[in-house]
Amino acid sequence: MLRKEPAPSATRKTVTKAMQILHVFAEDETQVSLATISERLGMHKSVASRLVSCLCEWRMLERDPDSKRIRLGMGAWQLGMRVANQNIYQRLALPILGHLAETTRHSAYASVLDGAEMLVVAAVPSPDALRVILQLGDRRPLHATAGGKVLLAHMPAAQRQAILEKRGLPALTRATLTSAKALEAQLAAIRRSGIAWNEGESAIGVGGAAAGVFNADGGIVGTISSVFPQNVVAPAQRATLAHAVRAAAAELSAALGFRPAAKISRKNAHGR
C-alpha cells in the first residue's frame, strides 16, 4: 500500500516550525530548554520535542548530556562552513582583511546588508591584545556603525527612508546620531569622501572606519571596516587609517570586477 504524502501545506508548516526552532538561539544564549522553545514559539511541547529529536538525528541540534538543554549541532556548523567556503565575497575578503589588520593593528571586518541590519561575514582580529572583536554572523545597526552608514549612504533614497522609518534612530550611546537631518548630512559627506566613522556610536569606547565595496555594475555589495578601541587612535592617525581602509575596499572591489567608471555611470542613472 502506497503511503499518502502529506499535503504541501502540512509539509510547509512542518519545515517552517523546524526553521523557527533553529533560529530560536540568541547570540548570547547558546543553549535553551525544550520548555523555552515551546513557550517562545507558541508550539505544543510534544510537537517541539518531535522536531527537536529529528533535528538532532541530522546533527542540526544536539542535547547537552548533563543539562539536557538544546544547542546548535555540528551539522549546522558544517553547513555554515560550506556556505562560507562557497561565498566568493568572503573568500576574496579574508586575505585583504588580514593585510589590513596587520597594517593597522586593528580588527578588520567585511560586512553586507541583510534586511535592515549590517551582517558581519568575514573577520580578522587585531594581532594586538587590546582589540575589539565581532563574531561572524553578528548583526549591527546601520545608523550607529561605520559600515552601516556606508551601506545607508549608497543605497537608493527610497530604500534608506523605508529602513529608517521602520527602525528609527535609537540612541545606543550618547554619541549616536538620532537626528535624521544630521544623519543625512553625514551620509552625504560619506559619499563625497568614501569613508565613514563610528565615534563610539554603537558601544562606548568603540570606534571604527569603513569604506564601501562595489561590484562590476557599480552597485554596493558590502563594506570593509577597521574597528578599534577609541583611545588607541590619535587624531593624527585618522588620515592614515582612512587611506588603509579605502585601499582595502578598493582592492576587494577590483577583485569583484568593479571599475570606477561603472560607479559614476550608475550615479548618473540615478540622478545623483
C-alpha atoms as a PDB file:
ATOM      1  CA  MET A   1       0.000   0.000   0.000  1.00  0.00           C
ATOM      2  CA  LEU A   2       1.378   3.340  -1.044  1.00  0.00           C
ATOM      3  CA  ARG A   3       1.941   5.818   1.744  1.00  0.00           C
ATOM      4  CA  LYS A   4      -0.013   9.010   1.250  1.00  0.00           C
ATOM      5  CA  GLU A   5       2.253  12.019   1.021  1.00  0.00           C
ATOM      6  CA  PRO A   6       1.360  14.920   3.311  1.00  0.00           C
ATOM      7  CA  ALA A   7      -0.353  17.879   1.726  1.00  0.00           C
ATOM      8  CA  PRO A   8       2.008  20.651   0.610  1.00  0.00           C
ATOM      9  CA  SER A   9       0.570  22.966   3.250  1.00  0.00           C
ATOM     10  CA  ALA A  10       1.308  20.449   6.010  1.00  0.00           C
ATOM     11  CA  THR A  11       4.852  19.934   4.735  1.00  0.00           C
ATOM     12  CA  ARG A  12       5.407  23.673   4.592  1.00  0.00           C
ATOM     13  CA  LYS A  13       4.164  24.095   8.164  1.00  0.00           C
ATOM     14  CA  THR A  14       6.492  21.370   9.415  1.00  0.00           C
ATOM     15  CA  VAL A  15       9.526  22.850   7.684  1.00  0.00           C
ATOM     16  CA  THR A  16       8.619  26.312   8.950  1.00  0.00           C
ATOM     17  CA  LYS A  17       8.405  25.057  12.526  1.00  0.00           C
ATOM     18  CA  ALA A  18      11.788  23.340  12.187  1.00  0.00           C
ATOM     19  CA  MET A  19      13.349  26.556  10.873  1.00  0.00           C
ATOM     20  CA  GLN A  20      11.801  28.512  13.745  1.00  0.00           C
ATOM     21  CA  ILE A  21      13.462  26.144  16.202  1.00  0.00           C
ATOM     22  CA  LEU A  22      16.864  26.570  14.524  1.00  0.00           C
ATOM     23  CA  HIS A  23      16.521  30.348  14.748  1.00  0.00           C
ATOM     24  CA  VAL A  24      15.417  30.472  18.384  1.00  0.00           C
ATOM     25  CA  PHE A  25      19.000  30.649  19.651  1.00  0.00           C
ATOM     26  CA  ALA A  26      20.197  34.159  20.512  1.00  0.00           C
ATOM     27  CA  GLU A  27      23.831  35.250  20.109  1.00  0.00           C
ATOM     28  CA  ASP A  28      24.298  35.351  23.892  1.00  0.00           C
ATOM     29  CA  GLU A  29      22.186  32.266  24.618  1.00  0.00           C
ATOM     30  CA  THR A  30      23.711  29.188  23.085  1.00  0.00           C
ATOM     31  CA  GLN A  31      21.575  26.649  24.960  1.00  0.00           C
ATOM     32  CA  VAL A  32      17.841  26.604  25.669  1.00  0.00           C
ATOM     33  CA  SER A  33      15.435  24.148  27.233  1.00  0.00           C
ATOM     34  CA  LEU A  34      12.658  22.384  25.376  1.00  0.00           C
ATOM     35  CA  ALA A  35      10.134  24.283  27.518  1.00  0.00           C
ATOM     36  CA  THR A  36      11.690  27.586  26.435  1.00  0.00           C
ATOM     37  CA  ILE A  37      11.446  26.617  22.754  1.00  0.00           C
ATOM     38  CA  SER A  38       7.816  25.650  23.187  1.00  0.00           C
ATOM     39  CA  GLU A  39       6.968  28.871  25.035  1.00  0.00           C
ATOM     40  CA  ARG A  40       8.796  31.257  22.721  1.00  0.00           C
ATOM     41  CA  LEU A  41       7.391  29.774  19.553  1.00  0.00           C
ATOM     42  CA  GLY A  42       3.890  29.112  20.876  1.00  0.00           C
ATOM     43  CA  MET A  43       4.404  25.486  19.905  1.00  0.00           C
ATOM     44  CA  HIS A  44       2.963  22.499  21.783  1.00  0.00           C
ATOM     45  CA  LYS A  45       5.723  20.824  23.762  1.00  0.00           C
ATOM     46  CA  SER A  46       5.108  17.439  22.133  1.00  0.00           C
ATOM     47  CA  VAL A  47       5.443  18.957  18.651  1.00  0.00           C
ATOM     48  CA  ALA A  48       8.616  20.789  19.639  1.00  0.00           C
ATOM     49  CA  SER A  49      10.025  17.601  21.129  1.00  0.00           C
ATOM     50  CA  ARG A  50       9.443  15.582  17.942  1.00  0.00           C
ATOM     51  CA  LEU A  51      11.016  18.251  15.760  1.00  0.00           C
ATOM     52  CA  VAL A  52      13.997  18.676  18.071  1.00  0.00           C
ATOM     53  CA  SER A  53      14.574  14.909  18.050  1.00  0.00           C
ATOM     54  CA  CYS A  54      14.507  14.872  14.236  1.00  0.00           C
ATOM     55  CA  LEU A  55      16.894  17.811  14.028  1.00  0.00           C
ATOM     56  CA  CYS A  56      19.203  16.062  16.479  1.00  0.00           C
ATOM     57  CA  GLU A  57      19.259  12.989  14.214  1.00  0.00           C
ATOM     58  CA  TRP A  58      20.545  15.252  11.424  1.00  0.00           C
ATOM     59  CA  ARG A  59      23.010  16.852  13.876  1.00  0.00           C
ATOM     60  CA  MET A  60      21.460  20.268  13.302  1.00  0.00           C
ATOM     61  CA  LEU A  61      20.814  20.303  17.058  1.00  0.00           C
ATOM     62  CA  GLU A  62      22.271  18.413  19.992  1.00  0.00           C
ATOM     63  CA  ARG A  63      21.381  17.925  23.657  1.00  0.00           C
ATOM     64  CA  ASP A  64      23.804  18.680  26.433  1.00  0.00           C
ATOM     65  CA  PRO A  65      24.337  15.308  28.136  1.00  0.00           C
ATOM     66  CA  ASP A  66      24.231  16.856  31.607  1.00  0.00           C
ATOM     67  CA  SER A  67      21.701  19.685  31.494  1.00  0.00           C
ATOM     68  CA  LYS A  68      19.614  18.170  28.663  1.00  0.00           C
ATOM     69  CA  ARG A  69      19.374  21.675  27.236  1.00  0.00           C
ATOM     70  CA  ILE A  70      19.455  22.058  23.461  1.00  0.00           C
ATOM     71  CA  ARG A  71      22.084  23.774  21.337  1.00  0.00           C
ATOM     72  CA  LEU A  72      23.021  24.057  17.688  1.00  0.00           C
ATOM     73  CA  GLY A  73      24.854  20.980  16.460  1.00  0.00           C
ATOM     74  CA  MET A  74      27.842  20.210  14.279  1.00  0.00           C
ATOM     75  CA  GLY A  75      25.594  19.694  11.276  1.00  0.00           C
ATOM     76  CA  ALA A  76      24.553  23.339  11.389  1.00  0.00           C
ATOM     77  CA  TRP A  77      28.190  24.381  11.746  1.00  0.00           C
ATOM     78  CA  GLN A  78      29.247  22.241   8.786  1.00  0.00           C
ATOM     79  CA  LEU A  79      26.541  23.747   6.567  1.00  0.00           C
ATOM     80  CA  GLY A  80      27.622  27.206   7.632  1.00  0.00           C
ATOM     81  CA  MET A  81      31.214  26.435   6.717  1.00  0.00           C
ATOM     82  CA  ARG A  82      30.140  25.172   3.299  1.00  0.00           C
ATOM     83  CA  VAL A  83      28.306  28.425   2.680  1.00  0.00           C
ATOM     84  CA  ALA A  84      31.362  30.345   3.836  1.00  0.00           C
ATOM     85  CA  ASN A  85      33.649  28.400   1.529  1.00  0.00           C
ATOM     86  CA  GLN A  86      31.323  28.937  -1.413  1.00  0.00           C
ATOM     87  CA  ASN A  87      30.924  32.662  -0.760  1.00  0.00           C
ATOM     88  CA  ILE A  88      33.282  34.411  -3.167  1.00  0.00           C
ATOM     89  CA  TYR A  89      32.883  37.720  -1.342  1.00  0.00           C
ATOM     90  CA  GLN A  90      34.127  36.213   1.881  1.00  0.00           C
ATOM     91  CA  ARG A  91      36.915  34.218   0.212  1.00  0.00           C
ATOM     92  CA  LEU A  92      38.249  37.274  -1.571  1.00  0.00           C
ATOM     93  CA  ALA A  93      37.886  39.451   1.508  1.00  0.00           C
ATOM     94  CA  LEU A  94      39.831  37.337   4.004  1.00  0.00           C
ATOM     95  CA  PRO A  95      43.398  37.899   2.701  1.00  0.00           C
ATOM     96  CA  ILE A  96      42.641  41.603   2.234  1.00  0.00           C
ATOM     97  CA  LEU A  97      41.311  41.825   5.783  1.00  0.00           C
ATOM     98  CA  GLY A  98      44.411  40.012   7.016  1.00  0.00           C
ATOM     99  CA  HIS A  99      46.663  42.586   5.405  1.00  0.00           C
ATOM    100  CA  LEU A 100      44.532  45.445   6.742  1.00  0.00           C
ATOM    101  CA  ALA A 101      44.639  44.056  10.282  1.00  0.00           C
ATOM    102  CA  GLU A 102      48.387  43.549  10.106  1.00  0.00           C
ATOM    103  CA  THR A 103      48.978  47.035   8.718  1.00  0.00           C
ATOM    104  CA  THR A 104      46.694  48.961  11.067  1.00  0.00           C
ATOM    105  CA  ARG A 105      46.934  46.633  14.101  1.00  0.00           C
ATOM    106  CA  HIS A 106      43.140  46.848  14.386  1.00  0.00           C
ATOM    107  CA  SER A 107      40.477  44.192  13.813  1.00  0.00           C
ATOM    108  CA  ALA A 108      39.172  44.115  10.241  1.00  0.00           C
ATOM    109  CA  TYR A 109      35.730  43.043   9.057  1.00  0.00           C
ATOM    110  CA  ALA A 110      33.752  42.583   5.861  1.00  0.00           C
ATOM    111  CA  SER A 111      30.006  43.113   6.125  1.00  0.00           C
ATOM    112  CA  VAL A 112      26.927  43.092   3.911  1.00  0.00           C
ATOM    113  CA  LEU A 113      23.401  44.424   4.138  1.00  0.00           C
ATOM    114  CA  ASP A 114      20.925  41.878   5.470  1.00  0.00           C
ATOM    115  CA  GLY A 115      17.419  43.287   5.654  1.00  0.00           C
ATOM    116  CA  ALA A 116      17.687  46.392   7.810  1.00  0.00           C
ATOM    117  CA  GLU A 117      20.943  45.439   9.520  1.00  0.00           C
ATOM    118  CA  MET A 118      24.620  45.054   8.790  1.00  0.00           C
ATOM    119  CA  LEU A 119      25.790  41.422   8.864  1.00  0.00           C
ATOM    120  CA  VAL A 120      29.434  40.508   9.555  1.00  0.00           C
ATOM    121  CA  VAL A 121      30.539  37.849   7.030  1.00  0.00           C
ATOM    122  CA  ALA A 122      34.336  37.823   7.388  1.00  0.00           C
ATOM    123  CA  ALA A 123      36.654  38.802  10.215  1.00  0.00           C
ATOM    124  CA  VAL A 124      40.343  39.011  11.061  1.00  0.00           C
ATOM    125  CA  PRO A 125      41.065  40.095  14.636  1.00  0.00           C
ATOM    126  CA  SER A 126      43.811  42.535  15.520  1.00  0.00           C
ATOM    127  CA  PRO A 127      47.163  40.888  16.269  1.00  0.00           C
ATOM    128  CA  ASP A 128      47.413  43.089  19.386  1.00  0.00           C
ATOM    129  CA  ALA A 129      45.961  42.184  22.767  1.00  0.00           C
ATOM    130  CA  LEU A 130      43.930  45.402  23.044  1.00  0.00           C
ATOM    131  CA  ARG A 131      41.308  44.986  20.349  1.00  0.00           C
ATOM    132  CA  VAL A 132      37.621  44.952  19.500  1.00  0.00           C
ATOM    133  CA  ILE A 133      36.168  41.608  18.447  1.00  0.00           C
ATOM    134  CA  LEU A 134      32.989  40.990  16.478  1.00  0.00           C
ATOM    135  CA  GLN A 135      31.792  37.497  15.658  1.00  0.00           C
ATOM    136  CA  LEU A 136      30.857  36.097  12.267  1.00  0.00           C
ATOM    137  CA  GLY A 137      27.124  36.445  11.930  1.00  0.00           C
ATOM    138  CA  ASP A 138      26.925  39.467  14.232  1.00  0.00           C
ATOM    139  CA  ARG A 139      24.234  41.906  13.202  1.00  0.00           C
ATOM    140  CA  ARG A 140      24.779  45.588  13.819  1.00  0.00           C
ATOM    141  CA  PRO A 141      22.519  48.654  13.439  1.00  0.00           C
ATOM    142  CA  LEU A 142      23.026  50.673  10.285  1.00  0.00           C
ATOM    143  CA  HIS A 143      22.780  54.171  11.720  1.00  0.00           C
ATOM    144  CA  ALA A 144      25.297  53.635  14.533  1.00  0.00           C
ATOM    145  CA  THR A 145      28.174  51.811  12.804  1.00  0.00           C
ATOM    146  CA  ALA A 146      30.721  52.953  10.246  1.00  0.00           C
ATOM    147  CA  GLY A 147      29.934  50.084   7.870  1.00  0.00           C
ATOM    148  CA  GLY A 148      26.203  50.537   8.347  1.00  0.00           C
ATOM    149  CA  LYS A 149      26.406  54.209   7.452  1.00  0.00           C
ATOM    150  CA  VAL A 150      28.328  53.345   4.290  1.00  0.00           C
ATOM    151  CA  LEU A 151      25.536  50.966   3.299  1.00  0.00           C
ATOM    152  CA  LEU A 152      22.897  53.611   4.025  1.00  0.00           C
ATOM    153  CA  ALA A 153      24.830  56.244   2.080  1.00  0.00           C
ATOM    154  CA  HIS A 154      24.980  54.214  -1.110  1.00  0.00           C
ATOM    155  CA  MET A 155      21.533  52.614  -1.192  1.00  0.00           C
ATOM    156  CA  PRO A 156      18.615  54.201  -3.097  1.00  0.00           C
ATOM    157  CA  ALA A 157      16.961  57.003  -1.121  1.00  0.00           C
ATOM    158  CA  ALA A 158      13.589  55.226  -1.055  1.00  0.00           C
ATOM    159  CA  GLN A 159      15.135  52.089   0.425  1.00  0.00           C
ATOM    160  CA  ARG A 160      17.024  54.135   3.008  1.00  0.00           C
ATOM    161  CA  GLN A 161      13.890  56.025   4.007  1.00  0.00           C
ATOM    162  CA  ALA A 162      11.896  52.807   4.384  1.00  0.00           C
ATOM    163  CA  ILE A 163      14.563  51.271   6.641  1.00  0.00           C
ATOM    164  CA  LEU A 164      14.891  54.362   8.816  1.00  0.00           C
ATOM    165  CA  GLU A 165      11.143  54.733   9.139  1.00  0.00           C
ATOM    166  CA  LYS A 166      10.862  51.108  10.217  1.00  0.00           C
ATOM    167  CA  ARG A 167      13.835  51.019  12.594  1.00  0.00           C
ATOM    168  CA  GLY A 168      14.070  54.641  13.683  1.00  0.00           C
ATOM    169  CA  LEU A 169      17.277  56.091  15.121  1.00  0.00           C
ATOM    170  CA  PRO A 170      17.504  54.671  18.638  1.00  0.00           C
ATOM    171  CA  ALA A 171      20.263  56.056  20.862  1.00  0.00           C
ATOM    172  CA  LEU A 172      22.712  53.286  21.757  1.00  0.00           C
ATOM    173  CA  THR A 173      25.183  55.673  23.390  1.00  0.00           C
ATOM    174  CA  ARG A 174      25.304  59.428  23.933  1.00  0.00           C
ATOM    175  CA  ALA A 175      27.212  59.724  20.651  1.00  0.00           C
ATOM    176  CA  THR A 176      24.582  58.001  18.486  1.00  0.00           C
ATOM    177  CA  LEU A 177      23.069  60.159  15.772  1.00  0.00           C
ATOM    178  CA  THR A 178      19.348  60.380  16.487  1.00  0.00           C
ATOM    179  CA  SER A 179      18.520  63.240  14.110  1.00  0.00           C
ATOM    180  CA  ALA A 180      17.503  62.249  10.575  1.00  0.00           C
ATOM    181  CA  LYS A 181      18.776  65.589   9.265  1.00  0.00           C
ATOM    182  CA  ALA A 182      22.189  65.139  10.897  1.00  0.00           C
ATOM    183  CA  LEU A 183      22.410  61.566   9.617  1.00  0.00           C
ATOM    184  CA  GLU A 184      21.583  62.606   6.040  1.00  0.00           C
ATOM    185  CA  ALA A 185      24.288  65.285   6.196  1.00  0.00           C
ATOM    186  CA  GLN A 186      26.791  62.688   7.354  1.00  0.00           C
ATOM    187  CA  LEU A 187      25.737  60.239   4.627  1.00  0.00           C
ATOM    188  CA  ALA A 188      26.293  62.936   2.003  1.00  0.00           C
ATOM    189  CA  ALA A 189      29.805  63.503   3.409  1.00  0.00           C
ATOM    190  CA  ILE A 190      30.451  59.748   3.263  1.00  0.00           C
ATOM    191  CA  ARG A 191      29.517  59.679  -0.429  1.00  0.00           C
ATOM    192  CA  ARG A 192      31.976  62.510  -1.070  1.00  0.00           C
ATOM    193  CA  SER A 193      34.892  61.207   0.991  1.00  0.00           C
ATOM    194  CA  GLY A 194      34.425  57.457   0.585  1.00  0.00           C
ATOM    195  CA  ILE A 195      34.959  56.878   4.310  1.00  0.00           C
ATOM    196  CA  ALA A 196      32.636  56.615   7.325  1.00  0.00           C
ATOM    197  CA  TRP A 197      33.464  56.818  11.010  1.00  0.00           C
ATOM    198  CA  ASN A 198      31.933  55.357  14.135  1.00  0.00           C
ATOM    199  CA  GLU A 199      32.649  57.713  17.014  1.00  0.00           C
ATOM    200  CA  GLY A 200      31.559  55.439  19.846  1.00  0.00           C
ATOM    201  CA  GLU A 201      28.003  55.462  18.490  1.00  0.00           C
ATOM    202  CA  SER A 202      27.167  51.773  18.888  1.00  0.00           C
ATOM    203  CA  ALA A 203      29.191  50.978  22.020  1.00  0.00           C
ATOM    204  CA  ILE A 204      31.020  53.232  24.424  1.00  0.00           C
ATOM    205  CA  GLY A 205      34.729  53.396  23.655  1.00  0.00           C
ATOM    206  CA  VAL A 206      34.499  51.534  20.328  1.00  0.00           C
ATOM    207  CA  GLY A 207      35.431  53.334  17.127  1.00  0.00           C
ATOM    208  CA  GLY A 208      35.541  52.318  13.509  1.00  0.00           C
ATOM    209  CA  ALA A 209      36.263  53.385   9.959  1.00  0.00           C
ATOM    210  CA  ALA A 210      34.635  51.827   6.902  1.00  0.00           C
ATOM    211  CA  ALA A 211      34.544  52.096   3.127  1.00  0.00           C
ATOM    212  CA  GLY A 212      32.241  50.606   0.520  1.00  0.00           C
ATOM    213  CA  VAL A 213      32.861  47.570  -1.677  1.00  0.00           C
ATOM    214  CA  PHE A 214      31.318  47.719  -5.167  1.00  0.00           C
ATOM    215  CA  ASN A 215      30.636  45.124  -7.856  1.00  0.00           C
ATOM    216  CA  ALA A 216      31.163  45.179 -11.607  1.00  0.00           C
ATOM    217  CA  ASP A 217      27.921  47.098 -12.113  1.00  0.00           C
ATOM    218  CA  GLY A 218      28.961  49.804  -9.677  1.00  0.00           C
ATOM    219  CA  GLY A 219      26.451  48.752  -7.015  1.00  0.00           C
ATOM    220  CA  ILE A 220      27.480  48.466  -3.398  1.00  0.00           C
ATOM    221  CA  VAL A 221      27.747  44.875  -2.174  1.00  0.00           C
ATOM    222  CA  GLY A 222      29.263  45.397   1.250  1.00  0.00           C
ATOM    223  CA  THR A 223      31.837  47.198   3.339  1.00  0.00           C
ATOM    224  CA  ILE A 224      35.266  46.764   4.840  1.00  0.00           C
ATOM    225  CA  SER A 225      35.733  48.121   8.335  1.00  0.00           C
ATOM    226  CA  SER A 226      38.574  48.677  10.756  1.00  0.00           C
ATOM    227  CA  VAL A 227      37.280  48.542  14.347  1.00  0.00           C
ATOM    228  CA  PHE A 228      39.292  49.626  17.366  1.00  0.00           C
ATOM    229  CA  PRO A 229      39.232  50.952  20.931  1.00  0.00           C
ATOM    230  CA  GLN A 230      38.813  54.703  20.517  1.00  0.00           C
ATOM    231  CA  ASN A 231      41.621  55.565  22.886  1.00  0.00           C
ATOM    232  CA  VAL A 232      44.283  53.895  20.727  1.00  0.00           C
ATOM    233  CA  VAL A 233      43.719  56.009  17.600  1.00  0.00           C
ATOM    234  CA  ALA A 234      45.077  59.527  17.868  1.00  0.00           C
ATOM    235  CA  PRO A 235      43.586  62.276  15.643  1.00  0.00           C
ATOM    236  CA  ALA A 236      46.848  62.408  13.686  1.00  0.00           C
ATOM    237  CA  GLN A 237      46.452  58.731  12.754  1.00  0.00           C
ATOM    238  CA  ARG A 238      42.979  59.031  11.264  1.00  0.00           C
ATOM    239  CA  ALA A 239      44.099  60.054   7.773  1.00  0.00           C
ATOM    240  CA  THR A 240      46.467  57.082   7.537  1.00  0.00           C
ATOM    241  CA  LEU A 241      43.781  54.727   8.820  1.00  0.00           C
ATOM    242  CA  ALA A 242      41.213  56.095   6.373  1.00  0.00           C
ATOM    243  CA  HIS A 243      43.643  55.594   3.485  1.00  0.00           C
ATOM    244  CA  ALA A 244      44.298  51.977   4.505  1.00  0.00           C
ATOM    245  CA  VAL A 245      40.581  51.173   4.781  1.00  0.00           C
ATOM    246  CA  ARG A 246      39.741  52.807   1.446  1.00  0.00           C
ATOM    247  CA  ALA A 247      42.628  50.958  -0.216  1.00  0.00           C
ATOM    248  CA  ALA A 248      41.437  47.607   1.165  1.00  0.00           C
ATOM    249  CA  ALA A 249      37.869  48.254   0.000  1.00  0.00           C
ATOM    250  CA  ALA A 250      39.142  49.319  -3.442  1.00  0.00           C
ATOM    251  CA  GLU A 251      41.211  46.133  -3.704  1.00  0.00           C
ATOM    252  CA  LEU A 252      38.210  43.950  -2.913  1.00  0.00           C
ATOM    253  CA  SER A 253      36.028  45.961  -5.303  1.00  0.00           C
ATOM    254  CA  ALA A 254      38.573  45.446  -8.084  1.00  0.00           C
ATOM    255  CA  ALA A 255      38.628  41.712  -7.376  1.00  0.00           C
ATOM    256  CA  LEU A 256      34.840  41.711  -7.838  1.00  0.00           C
ATOM    257  CA  GLY A 257      35.193  43.419 -11.220  1.00  0.00           C
ATOM    258  CA  PHE A 258      34.483  46.999 -10.167  1.00  0.00           C
ATOM    259  CA  ARG A 259      35.711  49.855 -12.336  1.00  0.00           C
ATOM    260  CA  PRO A 260      35.301  53.431 -11.018  1.00  0.00           C
ATOM    261  CA  ALA A 261      33.590  54.423 -14.266  1.00  0.00           C
ATOM    262  CA  ALA A 262      30.831  51.894 -13.527  1.00  0.00           C
ATOM    263  CA  LYS A 263      30.025  53.664 -10.283  1.00  0.00           C
ATOM    264  CA  ILE A 264      29.928  57.038 -11.994  1.00  0.00           C
ATOM    265  CA  SER A 265      27.557  55.726 -14.668  1.00  0.00           C
ATOM    266  CA  ARG A 266      25.279  54.197 -12.040  1.00  0.00           C
ATOM    267  CA  LYS A 267      25.132  57.504 -10.111  1.00  0.00           C
ATOM    268  CA  ASN A 268      24.211  59.359 -13.276  1.00  0.00           C
ATOM    269  CA  ALA A 269      21.470  56.836 -13.960  1.00  0.00           C
ATOM    270  CA  HIS A 270      20.008  57.544 -10.508  1.00  0.00           C
ATOM    271  CA  GLY A 271      20.374  61.263 -10.934  1.00  0.00           C
ATOM    272  CA  ARG A 272      22.901  61.629  -8.132  1.00  0.00           C
END
